[in-house]
C-alpha cells in the first residue's frame, strides 16, 4: 500500500468534446429542426467532474484518455489550464470522445456520446494504482468500460480510501461493484432505473439499501441524501435563472468529492455541491459554466 498521506481527489473518467446545438424545443423522432446556434465546448463526465473538483478547492488528478487529434489537443490544454494533474492522461491513436448535445429553450437537454478514446481505458497501470492509493477520494462515472471502474474501486477500497461513483450514464450495476462504493450519486432517472420502479421515493430507498451512502440529485429541487438505507436530509439550491443544465450533475459530483476530501460531513458536502450545481446552469457549456469556490461559498451565505 502507498504510505503517502491521502490527499485530494482522483477522478477516473471520460473526456469528450461537446458539440452543443441550441433549439427552441427537443425534436421528436423523425423530425428535423434548425438550430438557433451551435458551439464546441470541452466536456465528458470525467473532465467535468475533475474541473469541478479542482475549482472547488481540491488538488485533483485525472486518469483518462484522449485521442491523437485536434480535439485531444484542445482538451489537454483545458485540463492543464484548469490546474488538473494530467500525468496519467494517456493519448491514444484514435479520435477523442465526442458528445452531441441538444439544449432547448427550457434549458433541458438530450445527449449522445461517441466514446472514442475513452473506450480504450480497460485496465489500470501501476502508476494509476499508486495515484488512487494516494488520493483521499476516488471519483468515477460510467462513461469508461465497467472493467476499469471495478478495478479502480477495488484498489481504492483495499487502500482504505473513499470511493464515490456517479452511476451515469444510467445502467444496472452488480453488487460486487456497489459493495466497495462509499457514496453513490444518481439523478432521478438513474435511481428509477437502478431500482426498477417508477415512484422516486420508493426507488431512492431501494438504491439506498444497496450502498452505504446515496445522494439523489433532483434538478431544480436540489438533492436528497441517505445514510445506511435511511433518508437523512434534503437540501434546496439557491435561486438561479437556468440557461443550460448540461454538466450540472457533474458539477455536483466534483464539488461533493472535494468537500468530502477536505473533511466536510454528508450534510455540509451536499449543501456545498448543490450550490455549485445550481450556479453551473447559468451559462452554456459544461466546463465553462463550472463555478469556483468563492462563488460557491458566496451562494451559501
C-alpha atoms as a PDB file:
ATOM      1  CA  UNK A   1       0.000   0.000   0.000  1.00  0.00           C
ATOM      2  CA  UNK A   2       1.150   3.530  -0.754  1.00  0.00           C
ATOM      3  CA  UNK A   3       2.190   5.162   2.535  1.00  0.00           C
ATOM      4  CA  UNK A   4       1.780   8.773   1.347  1.00  0.00           C
ATOM      5  CA  UNK A   5      -0.842  10.638   3.376  1.00  0.00           C
ATOM      6  CA  UNK A   6      -4.045  10.620   1.266  1.00  0.00           C
ATOM      7  CA  UNK A   7      -4.823  13.991  -0.264  1.00  0.00           C
ATOM      8  CA  UNK A   8      -7.273  15.424  -2.732  1.00  0.00           C
ATOM      9  CA  UNK A   9      -9.439  13.767  -5.379  1.00  0.00           C
ATOM     10  CA  UNK A  10      -8.548  11.260  -8.086  1.00  0.00           C
ATOM     11  CA  UNK A  11     -11.020  11.117 -10.964  1.00  0.00           C
ATOM     12  CA  UNK A  12     -11.122   8.089 -13.250  1.00  0.00           C
ATOM     13  CA  UNK A  13     -13.313   9.076 -16.143  1.00  0.00           C
ATOM     14  CA  UNK A  14     -14.018  10.286 -19.641  1.00  0.00           C
ATOM     15  CA  UNK A  15     -13.048  13.363 -21.590  1.00  0.00           C
ATOM     16  CA  UNK A  16     -15.078  14.457 -24.622  1.00  0.00           C
ATOM     17  CA  UNK A  17     -15.505  17.373 -26.932  1.00  0.00           C
ATOM     18  CA  UNK A  18     -19.114  18.561 -26.636  1.00  0.00           C
ATOM     19  CA  UNK A  19     -20.905  19.825 -29.745  1.00  0.00           C
ATOM     20  CA  UNK A  20     -23.852  21.824 -28.407  1.00  0.00           C
ATOM     21  CA  UNK A  21     -26.883  22.819 -30.501  1.00  0.00           C
ATOM     22  CA  UNK A  22     -29.428  25.245 -29.042  1.00  0.00           C
ATOM     23  CA  UNK A  23     -33.017  24.785 -30.250  1.00  0.00           C
ATOM     24  CA  UNK A  24     -36.451  26.041 -29.276  1.00  0.00           C
ATOM     25  CA  UNK A  25     -37.508  22.519 -28.283  1.00  0.00           C
ATOM     26  CA  UNK A  26     -36.138  18.984 -28.390  1.00  0.00           C
ATOM     27  CA  UNK A  27     -37.093  17.341 -31.714  1.00  0.00           C
ATOM     28  CA  UNK A  28     -39.321  14.270 -31.765  1.00  0.00           C
ATOM     29  CA  UNK A  29     -38.305  11.098 -33.677  1.00  0.00           C
ATOM     30  CA  UNK A  30     -38.287  11.703 -37.429  1.00  0.00           C
ATOM     31  CA  UNK A  31     -38.306  15.493 -37.091  1.00  0.00           C
ATOM     32  CA  UNK A  32     -35.690  17.925 -38.383  1.00  0.00           C
ATOM     33  CA  UNK A  33     -35.210  21.295 -36.671  1.00  0.00           C
ATOM     34  CA  UNK A  34     -32.961  24.225 -37.442  1.00  0.00           C
ATOM     35  CA  UNK A  35     -30.632  25.073 -34.561  1.00  0.00           C
ATOM     36  CA  UNK A  36     -30.512  28.612 -33.247  1.00  0.00           C
ATOM     37  CA  UNK A  37     -26.762  28.229 -32.654  1.00  0.00           C
ATOM     38  CA  UNK A  38     -24.016  25.640 -32.284  1.00  0.00           C
ATOM     39  CA  UNK A  39     -20.816  25.705 -30.253  1.00  0.00           C
ATOM     40  CA  UNK A  40     -17.960  23.442 -29.229  1.00  0.00           C
ATOM     41  CA  UNK A  41     -17.047  23.027 -25.550  1.00  0.00           C
ATOM     42  CA  UNK A  42     -14.736  20.741 -23.558  1.00  0.00           C
ATOM     43  CA  UNK A  43     -16.671  18.137 -21.605  1.00  0.00           C
ATOM     44  CA  UNK A  44     -17.070  14.487 -20.727  1.00  0.00           C
ATOM     45  CA  UNK A  45     -18.193  13.406 -17.288  1.00  0.00           C
ATOM     46  CA  UNK A  46     -14.677  12.698 -16.051  1.00  0.00           C
ATOM     47  CA  UNK A  47     -13.246  16.008 -17.227  1.00  0.00           C
ATOM     48  CA  UNK A  48     -16.279  17.946 -15.992  1.00  0.00           C
ATOM     49  CA  UNK A  49     -16.043  16.393 -12.545  1.00  0.00           C
ATOM     50  CA  UNK A  50     -12.294  16.913 -12.333  1.00  0.00           C
ATOM     51  CA  UNK A  51     -12.693  20.600 -13.223  1.00  0.00           C
ATOM     52  CA  UNK A  52     -15.483  20.945 -10.649  1.00  0.00           C
ATOM     53  CA  UNK A  53     -13.309  19.308  -8.004  1.00  0.00           C
ATOM     54  CA  UNK A  54     -10.258  21.478  -8.611  1.00  0.00           C
ATOM     55  CA  UNK A  55     -12.325  24.682  -8.823  1.00  0.00           C
ATOM     56  CA  UNK A  56     -13.964  23.717  -5.538  1.00  0.00           C
ATOM     57  CA  UNK A  57     -10.528  23.696  -3.948  1.00  0.00           C
ATOM     58  CA  UNK A  58      -9.266  20.102  -4.050  1.00  0.00           C
ATOM     59  CA  UNK A  59      -5.945  19.001  -5.572  1.00  0.00           C
ATOM     60  CA  UNK A  60      -7.229  16.810  -8.404  1.00  0.00           C
ATOM     61  CA  UNK A  61      -5.673  14.114 -10.595  1.00  0.00           C
ATOM     62  CA  UNK A  62      -7.411  12.828 -13.724  1.00  0.00           C
ATOM     63  CA  UNK A  63      -6.933   9.336 -15.167  1.00  0.00           C
ATOM     64  CA  UNK A  64      -8.365   9.480 -18.685  1.00  0.00           C
ATOM     65  CA  UNK A  65      -7.642   9.034 -22.392  1.00  0.00           C
ATOM     66  CA  UNK A  66      -7.559  11.470 -25.298  1.00  0.00           C
ATOM     67  CA  UNK A  67      -7.293  10.785 -28.988  1.00  0.00           C
ATOM     68  CA  UNK A  68      -4.423  11.783 -31.218  1.00  0.00           C
ATOM     69  CA  UNK A  69      -6.422  14.577 -32.841  1.00  0.00           C
ATOM     70  CA  UNK A  70      -7.139  18.308 -32.623  1.00  0.00           C
ATOM     71  CA  UNK A  71      -9.896  17.746 -30.071  1.00  0.00           C
ATOM     72  CA  UNK A  72      -7.416  15.884 -27.894  1.00  0.00           C
ATOM     73  CA  UNK A  73      -5.018  18.820 -28.050  1.00  0.00           C
ATOM     74  CA  UNK A  74      -7.761  21.238 -27.017  1.00  0.00           C
ATOM     75  CA  UNK A  75      -8.915  19.019 -24.151  1.00  0.00           C
ATOM     76  CA  UNK A  76      -5.342  18.564 -22.920  1.00  0.00           C
ATOM     77  CA  UNK A  77      -4.898  22.351 -22.829  1.00  0.00           C
ATOM     78  CA  UNK A  78      -8.150  22.741 -20.885  1.00  0.00           C
ATOM     79  CA  UNK A  79      -7.002  20.223 -18.276  1.00  0.00           C
ATOM     80  CA  UNK A  80      -3.677  21.962 -17.818  1.00  0.00           C
ATOM     81  CA  UNK A  81      -5.254  25.425 -17.652  1.00  0.00           C
ATOM     82  CA  UNK A  82      -7.731  24.221 -15.025  1.00  0.00           C
ATOM     83  CA  UNK A  83      -4.908  23.065 -12.753  1.00  0.00           C
ATOM     84  CA  UNK A  84      -5.668  19.342 -13.001  1.00  0.00           C
ATOM     85  CA  UNK A  85      -2.748  16.919 -12.613  1.00  0.00           C
ATOM     86  CA  UNK A  86      -2.583  15.263 -16.051  1.00  0.00           C
ATOM     87  CA  UNK A  87       0.454  12.968 -15.999  1.00  0.00           C
ATOM     88  CA  UNK A  88      -1.892   9.953 -16.121  1.00  0.00           C
ATOM     89  CA  UNK A  89      -3.933  11.209 -19.091  1.00  0.00           C
ATOM     90  CA  UNK A  90      -2.945   8.942 -21.974  1.00  0.00           C
ATOM     91  CA  UNK A  91      -3.042   9.746 -25.693  1.00  0.00           C
ATOM     92  CA  UNK A  92      -4.463   7.009 -27.916  1.00  0.00           C
ATOM     93  CA  UNK A  93      -4.004   6.512 -31.637  1.00  0.00           C
ATOM     94  CA  UNK A  94      -7.670   7.176 -32.316  1.00  0.00           C
ATOM     95  CA  UNK A  95     -10.201  10.015 -32.132  1.00  0.00           C
ATOM     96  CA  UNK A  96     -11.156  11.723 -28.881  1.00  0.00           C
ATOM     97  CA  UNK A  97     -14.597  11.166 -27.413  1.00  0.00           C
ATOM     98  CA  UNK A  98     -17.450  13.288 -28.755  1.00  0.00           C
ATOM     99  CA  UNK A  99     -20.794  14.266 -27.254  1.00  0.00           C
ATOM    100  CA  UNK A 100     -23.627  15.716 -29.309  1.00  0.00           C
ATOM    101  CA  UNK A 101     -25.897  17.798 -27.099  1.00  0.00           C
ATOM    102  CA  UNK A 102     -29.210  19.478 -27.884  1.00  0.00           C
ATOM    103  CA  UNK A 103     -30.356  22.188 -25.441  1.00  0.00           C
ATOM    104  CA  UNK A 104     -33.896  23.596 -25.625  1.00  0.00           C
ATOM    105  CA  UNK A 105     -35.452  26.876 -24.532  1.00  0.00           C
ATOM    106  CA  UNK A 106     -36.235  25.485 -21.064  1.00  0.00           C
ATOM    107  CA  UNK A 107     -32.533  24.558 -20.553  1.00  0.00           C
ATOM    108  CA  UNK A 108     -33.305  20.827 -20.832  1.00  0.00           C
ATOM    109  CA  UNK A 109     -31.021  18.644 -22.925  1.00  0.00           C
ATOM    110  CA  UNK A 110     -30.513  15.361 -24.710  1.00  0.00           C
ATOM    111  CA  UNK A 111     -27.023  13.876 -25.177  1.00  0.00           C
ATOM    112  CA  UNK A 112     -25.488  11.245 -27.434  1.00  0.00           C
ATOM    113  CA  UNK A 113     -21.899  10.155 -26.704  1.00  0.00           C
ATOM    114  CA  UNK A 114     -19.345   8.611 -29.066  1.00  0.00           C
ATOM    115  CA  UNK A 115     -16.759   7.124 -26.681  1.00  0.00           C
ATOM    116  CA  UNK A 116     -13.712   7.308 -28.953  1.00  0.00           C
ATOM    117  CA  UNK A 117     -10.500   7.050 -26.916  1.00  0.00           C
ATOM    118  CA  UNK A 118     -12.468   6.568 -23.693  1.00  0.00           C
ATOM    119  CA  UNK A 119     -13.369   3.032 -24.771  1.00  0.00           C
ATOM    120  CA  UNK A 120      -9.688   2.065 -24.699  1.00  0.00           C
ATOM    121  CA  UNK A 121      -9.312   2.603 -20.935  1.00  0.00           C
ATOM    122  CA  UNK A 122      -9.833  -1.008 -19.905  1.00  0.00           C
ATOM    123  CA  UNK A 123      -7.086  -1.505 -17.307  1.00  0.00           C
ATOM    124  CA  UNK A 124      -5.129   0.485 -14.744  1.00  0.00           C
ATOM    125  CA  UNK A 125      -1.370   0.929 -14.902  1.00  0.00           C
ATOM    126  CA  UNK A 126       0.864   0.678 -11.837  1.00  0.00           C
ATOM    127  CA  UNK A 127       1.089   4.479 -11.845  1.00  0.00           C
ATOM    128  CA  UNK A 128      -2.724   4.723 -11.927  1.00  0.00           C
ATOM    129  CA  UNK A 129      -2.970   2.438  -8.902  1.00  0.00           C
ATOM    130  CA  UNK A 130      -0.374   4.431  -6.993  1.00  0.00           C
ATOM    131  CA  UNK A 131      -2.286   7.661  -7.651  1.00  0.00           C
ATOM    132  CA  UNK A 132      -5.569   6.131  -6.496  1.00  0.00           C
ATOM    133  CA  UNK A 133      -3.934   4.865  -3.296  1.00  0.00           C
ATOM    134  CA  UNK A 134      -2.501   8.352  -2.668  1.00  0.00           C
ATOM    135  CA  UNK A 135      -5.797  10.239  -3.026  1.00  0.00           C
ATOM    136  CA  UNK A 136      -8.310  10.804  -0.264  1.00  0.00           C
ATOM    137  CA  UNK A 137     -11.293  10.290  -2.585  1.00  0.00           C
ATOM    138  CA  UNK A 138     -11.725   8.289  -5.794  1.00  0.00           C
ATOM    139  CA  UNK A 139     -14.495   9.637  -8.041  1.00  0.00           C
ATOM    140  CA  UNK A 140     -15.796   7.648 -11.042  1.00  0.00           C
ATOM    141  CA  UNK A 141     -18.635   7.593 -13.550  1.00  0.00           C
ATOM    142  CA  UNK A 142     -19.792   5.110 -16.211  1.00  0.00           C
ATOM    143  CA  UNK A 143     -18.506   6.588 -19.486  1.00  0.00           C
ATOM    144  CA  UNK A 144     -15.458   4.285 -19.269  1.00  0.00           C
ATOM    145  CA  UNK A 145     -15.641   0.471 -19.526  1.00  0.00           C
ATOM    146  CA  UNK A 146     -17.046  -1.109 -16.369  1.00  0.00           C
ATOM    147  CA  UNK A 147     -13.940  -3.279 -16.042  1.00  0.00           C
ATOM    148  CA  UNK A 148     -11.724  -0.307 -15.192  1.00  0.00           C
ATOM    149  CA  UNK A 149     -14.372   1.205 -12.906  1.00  0.00           C
ATOM    150  CA  UNK A 150     -14.405  -2.059 -10.917  1.00  0.00           C
ATOM    151  CA  UNK A 151     -10.600  -2.198 -10.836  1.00  0.00           C
ATOM    152  CA  UNK A 152     -10.265   1.369  -9.601  1.00  0.00           C
ATOM    153  CA  UNK A 153     -12.930   0.918  -6.928  1.00  0.00           C
ATOM    154  CA  UNK A 154     -11.283  -2.269  -5.696  1.00  0.00           C
ATOM    155  CA  UNK A 155      -7.856  -0.625  -5.463  1.00  0.00           C
ATOM    156  CA  UNK A 156      -9.184   2.397  -3.576  1.00  0.00           C
ATOM    157  CA  UNK A 157     -11.285   0.288  -1.210  1.00  0.00           C
ATOM    158  CA  UNK A 158      -8.351  -2.002  -0.398  1.00  0.00           C
ATOM    159  CA  UNK A 159      -6.247   1.080   0.396  1.00  0.00           C
ATOM    160  CA  UNK A 160      -8.913   2.447   2.746  1.00  0.00           C
ATOM    161  CA  UNK A 161      -9.800   5.383   0.501  1.00  0.00           C
ATOM    162  CA  UNK A 162     -13.264   6.858  -0.006  1.00  0.00           C
ATOM    163  CA  UNK A 163     -14.901   5.503  -3.160  1.00  0.00           C
ATOM    164  CA  UNK A 164     -17.520   7.583  -4.995  1.00  0.00           C
ATOM    165  CA  UNK A 165     -19.485   6.506  -8.046  1.00  0.00           C
ATOM    166  CA  UNK A 166     -21.767   8.629 -10.185  1.00  0.00           C
ATOM    167  CA  UNK A 167     -23.934   5.968 -11.851  1.00  0.00           C
ATOM    168  CA  UNK A 168     -24.241   7.809 -15.150  1.00  0.00           C
ATOM    169  CA  UNK A 169     -24.993   7.086 -17.917  1.00  0.00           C
ATOM    170  CA  UNK A 170     -27.720   5.011 -16.277  1.00  0.00           C
ATOM    171  CA  UNK A 171     -27.224   1.246 -16.221  1.00  0.00           C
ATOM    172  CA  UNK A 172     -27.737  -1.729 -13.962  1.00  0.00           C
ATOM    173  CA  UNK A 173     -24.837  -2.345 -11.564  1.00  0.00           C
ATOM    174  CA  UNK A 174     -23.982  -5.571  -9.777  1.00  0.00           C
ATOM    175  CA  UNK A 175     -23.455  -5.906  -6.048  1.00  0.00           C
ATOM    176  CA  UNK A 176     -19.746  -6.693  -6.463  1.00  0.00           C
ATOM    177  CA  UNK A 177     -19.109  -3.081  -7.501  1.00  0.00           C
ATOM    178  CA  UNK A 178     -21.600  -1.483  -5.127  1.00  0.00           C
ATOM    179  CA  UNK A 179     -20.054  -3.378  -2.188  1.00  0.00           C
ATOM    180  CA  UNK A 180     -16.904  -1.233  -2.438  1.00  0.00           C
ATOM    181  CA  UNK A 181     -18.682   2.104  -3.056  1.00  0.00           C
ATOM    182  CA  UNK A 182     -18.950   4.503  -0.103  1.00  0.00           C
ATOM    183  CA  UNK A 183     -21.020   7.181  -1.854  1.00  0.00           C
ATOM    184  CA  UNK A 184     -23.325   6.681  -4.837  1.00  0.00           C
ATOM    185  CA  UNK A 185     -24.642   9.743  -6.701  1.00  0.00           C
ATOM    186  CA  UNK A 186     -27.615   9.340  -9.031  1.00  0.00           C
ATOM    187  CA  UNK A 187     -30.262  11.583 -10.537  1.00  0.00           C
ATOM    188  CA  UNK A 188     -33.982  10.795 -10.542  1.00  0.00           C
ATOM    189  CA  UNK A 189     -33.868   8.837 -13.806  1.00  0.00           C
ATOM    190  CA  UNK A 190     -30.864   6.794 -12.687  1.00  0.00           C
ATOM    191  CA  UNK A 191     -32.437   5.995  -9.316  1.00  0.00           C
ATOM    192  CA  UNK A 192     -35.607   4.723 -11.002  1.00  0.00           C
ATOM    193  CA  UNK A 193     -33.624   2.621 -13.477  1.00  0.00           C
ATOM    194  CA  UNK A 194     -31.438   1.034 -10.787  1.00  0.00           C
ATOM    195  CA  UNK A 195     -34.461   0.201  -8.635  1.00  0.00           C
ATOM    196  CA  UNK A 196     -36.760  -0.848 -11.466  1.00  0.00           C
ATOM    197  CA  UNK A 197     -39.674   1.183 -10.089  1.00  0.00           C
ATOM    198  CA  UNK A 198     -41.270   4.468 -11.160  1.00  0.00           C
ATOM    199  CA  UNK A 199     -42.001   6.007  -7.762  1.00  0.00           C
ATOM    200  CA  UNK A 200     -38.993   8.176  -6.902  1.00  0.00           C
ATOM    201  CA  UNK A 201     -39.264   7.864  -3.125  1.00  0.00           C
ATOM    202  CA  UNK A 202     -39.512   4.079  -3.363  1.00  0.00           C
ATOM    203  CA  UNK A 203     -36.711   3.923  -5.914  1.00  0.00           C
ATOM    204  CA  UNK A 204     -34.414   6.078  -3.805  1.00  0.00           C
ATOM    205  CA  UNK A 205     -34.897   3.900  -0.740  1.00  0.00           C
ATOM    206  CA  UNK A 206     -34.289   0.763  -2.800  1.00  0.00           C
ATOM    207  CA  UNK A 207     -30.997   2.172  -4.098  1.00  0.00           C
ATOM    208  CA  UNK A 208     -30.047   3.369  -0.611  1.00  0.00           C
ATOM    209  CA  UNK A 209     -30.479  -0.179   0.672  1.00  0.00           C
ATOM    210  CA  UNK A 210     -27.592  -1.304  -1.604  1.00  0.00           C
ATOM    211  CA  UNK A 211     -24.950   1.358  -0.842  1.00  0.00           C
ATOM    212  CA  UNK A 212     -23.917   2.865   2.477  1.00  0.00           C
ATOM    213  CA  UNK A 213     -24.495   6.489   1.441  1.00  0.00           C
ATOM    214  CA  UNK A 214     -26.554   7.712  -1.513  1.00  0.00           C
ATOM    215  CA  UNK A 215     -27.248  11.178  -2.892  1.00  0.00           C
ATOM    216  CA  UNK A 216     -30.152  11.614  -5.312  1.00  0.00           C
ATOM    217  CA  UNK A 217     -29.934  14.866  -7.256  1.00  0.00           C
ATOM    218  CA  UNK A 218     -33.317  16.404  -8.026  1.00  0.00           C
ATOM    219  CA  UNK A 219     -32.558  19.112 -10.580  1.00  0.00           C
ATOM    220  CA  UNK A 220     -34.139  22.414  -9.629  1.00  0.00           C
ATOM    221  CA  UNK A 221     -35.365  20.849  -6.367  1.00  0.00           C
ATOM    222  CA  UNK A 222     -31.852  20.242  -5.050  1.00  0.00           C
ATOM    223  CA  UNK A 223     -30.868  16.864  -3.591  1.00  0.00           C
ATOM    224  CA  UNK A 224     -31.865  14.234  -1.045  1.00  0.00           C
ATOM    225  CA  UNK A 225     -29.314  12.121   0.799  1.00  0.00           C
ATOM    226  CA  UNK A 226     -29.412   8.771   2.534  1.00  0.00           C
ATOM    227  CA  UNK A 227     -27.209   7.037   5.104  1.00  0.00           C
ATOM    228  CA  UNK A 228     -27.409   3.322   5.952  1.00  0.00           C
ATOM    229  CA  UNK A 229     -30.651   2.963   3.984  1.00  0.00           C
ATOM    230  CA  UNK A 230     -32.426   5.877   5.674  1.00  0.00           C
ATOM    231  CA  UNK A 231     -33.207   9.306   4.233  1.00  0.00           C
ATOM    232  CA  UNK A 232     -31.410  11.761   6.489  1.00  0.00           C
ATOM    233  CA  UNK A 233     -31.877  15.094   4.747  1.00  0.00           C
ATOM    234  CA  UNK A 234     -32.678  17.307   1.781  1.00  0.00           C
ATOM    235  CA  UNK A 235     -31.065  20.471   0.501  1.00  0.00           C
ATOM    236  CA  UNK A 236     -32.559  23.126  -1.754  1.00  0.00           C
ATOM    237  CA  UNK A 237     -30.474  25.133  -4.235  1.00  0.00           C
ATOM    238  CA  UNK A 238     -30.069  28.908  -4.386  1.00  0.00           C
ATOM    239  CA  UNK A 239     -32.315  30.656  -6.900  1.00  0.00           C
ATOM    240  CA  UNK A 240     -30.801  30.878 -10.385  1.00  0.00           C
ATOM    241  CA  UNK A 241     -32.015  31.523 -13.928  1.00  0.00           C
ATOM    242  CA  UNK A 242     -31.229  28.371 -15.940  1.00  0.00           C
ATOM    243  CA  UNK A 243     -29.667  28.610 -19.380  1.00  0.00           C
ATOM    244  CA  UNK A 244     -28.150  25.139 -19.867  1.00  0.00           C
ATOM    245  CA  UNK A 245     -28.312  22.233 -17.413  1.00  0.00           C
ATOM    246  CA  UNK A 246     -25.545  20.289 -19.175  1.00  0.00           C
ATOM    247  CA  UNK A 247     -22.878  19.365 -16.637  1.00  0.00           C
ATOM    248  CA  UNK A 248     -24.884  20.329 -13.550  1.00  0.00           C
ATOM    249  CA  UNK A 249     -24.805  16.779 -12.224  1.00  0.00           C
ATOM    250  CA  UNK A 250     -21.079  16.564 -12.904  1.00  0.00           C
ATOM    251  CA  UNK A 251     -20.520  19.854 -11.102  1.00  0.00           C
ATOM    252  CA  UNK A 252     -22.399  18.444  -8.120  1.00  0.00           C
ATOM    253  CA  UNK A 253     -20.253  15.293  -8.070  1.00  0.00           C
ATOM    254  CA  UNK A 254     -16.926  17.097  -8.381  1.00  0.00           C
ATOM    255  CA  UNK A 255     -17.785  19.669  -5.733  1.00  0.00           C
ATOM    256  CA  UNK A 256     -19.166  16.953  -3.449  1.00  0.00           C
ATOM    257  CA  UNK A 257     -15.964  14.917  -3.781  1.00  0.00           C
ATOM    258  CA  UNK A 258     -13.852  17.989  -2.999  1.00  0.00           C
ATOM    259  CA  UNK A 259     -15.930  18.730   0.090  1.00  0.00           C
ATOM    260  CA  UNK A 260     -15.681  15.163   1.411  1.00  0.00           C
ATOM    261  CA  UNK A 261     -11.933  15.089   0.686  1.00  0.00           C
ATOM    262  CA  UNK A 262     -11.390  18.113   2.902  1.00  0.00           C
ATOM    263  CA  UNK A 263     -13.408  16.613   5.743  1.00  0.00           C
ATOM    264  CA  UNK A 264     -16.921  18.044   5.389  1.00  0.00           C
ATOM    265  CA  UNK A 265     -19.725  15.789   6.583  1.00  0.00           C
ATOM    266  CA  UNK A 266     -22.513  14.454   4.345  1.00  0.00           C
ATOM    267  CA  UNK A 267     -24.911  17.309   5.040  1.00  0.00           C
ATOM    268  CA  UNK A 268     -22.367  20.084   4.520  1.00  0.00           C
ATOM    269  CA  UNK A 269     -20.979  18.429   1.383  1.00  0.00           C
ATOM    270  CA  UNK A 270     -24.448  18.016  -0.127  1.00  0.00           C
ATOM    271  CA  UNK A 271     -25.252  21.663   0.578  1.00  0.00           C
ATOM    272  CA  UNK A 272     -21.949  22.839  -0.940  1.00  0.00           C
ATOM    273  CA  UNK A 273     -22.356  20.669  -4.042  1.00  0.00           C
ATOM    274  CA  UNK A 274     -25.978  21.683  -4.576  1.00  0.00           C
ATOM    275  CA  UNK A 275     -24.989  25.345  -4.632  1.00  0.00           C
ATOM    276  CA  UNK A 276     -22.201  24.600  -7.115  1.00  0.00           C
ATOM    277  CA  UNK A 277     -24.554  22.681  -9.398  1.00  0.00           C
ATOM    278  CA  UNK A 278     -27.148  25.452  -9.321  1.00  0.00           C
ATOM    279  CA  UNK A 279     -24.599  28.085 -10.317  1.00  0.00           C
ATOM    280  CA  UNK A 280     -23.414  25.913 -13.219  1.00  0.00           C
ATOM    281  CA  UNK A 281     -26.729  26.146 -15.109  1.00  0.00           C
ATOM    282  CA  UNK A 282     -26.474  29.914 -15.597  1.00  0.00           C
ATOM    283  CA  UNK A 283     -24.440  29.720 -18.833  1.00  0.00           C
ATOM    284  CA  UNK A 284     -23.831  27.447 -21.827  1.00  0.00           C
ATOM    285  CA  UNK A 285     -21.268  24.662 -21.861  1.00  0.00           C
ATOM    286  CA  UNK A 286     -20.280  22.176 -19.190  1.00  0.00           C
ATOM    287  CA  UNK A 287     -16.699  23.160 -18.317  1.00  0.00           C
ATOM    288  CA  UNK A 288     -17.039  26.943 -18.886  1.00  0.00           C
ATOM    289  CA  UNK A 289     -20.022  27.140 -16.528  1.00  0.00           C
ATOM    290  CA  UNK A 290     -18.471  25.352 -13.519  1.00  0.00           C
ATOM    291  CA  UNK A 291     -18.084  27.850 -10.641  1.00  0.00           C
ATOM    292  CA  UNK A 292     -15.057  28.419  -8.439  1.00  0.00           C
ATOM    293  CA  UNK A 293     -15.011  28.103  -4.678  1.00  0.00           C
ATOM    294  CA  UNK A 294     -15.552  31.804  -3.939  1.00  0.00           C
ATOM    295  CA  UNK A 295     -18.796  31.877  -5.951  1.00  0.00           C
ATOM    296  CA  UNK A 296     -19.989  28.686  -4.301  1.00  0.00           C
ATOM    297  CA  UNK A 297     -19.322  29.956  -0.807  1.00  0.00           C
ATOM    298  CA  UNK A 298     -20.993  33.295  -1.602  1.00  0.00           C
ATOM    299  CA  UNK A 299     -24.113  31.403  -2.713  1.00  0.00           C
ATOM    300  CA  UNK A 300     -24.239  29.598   0.626  1.00  0.00           C
ATOM    301  CA  UNK A 301     -24.459  32.802   2.682  1.00  0.00           C
END
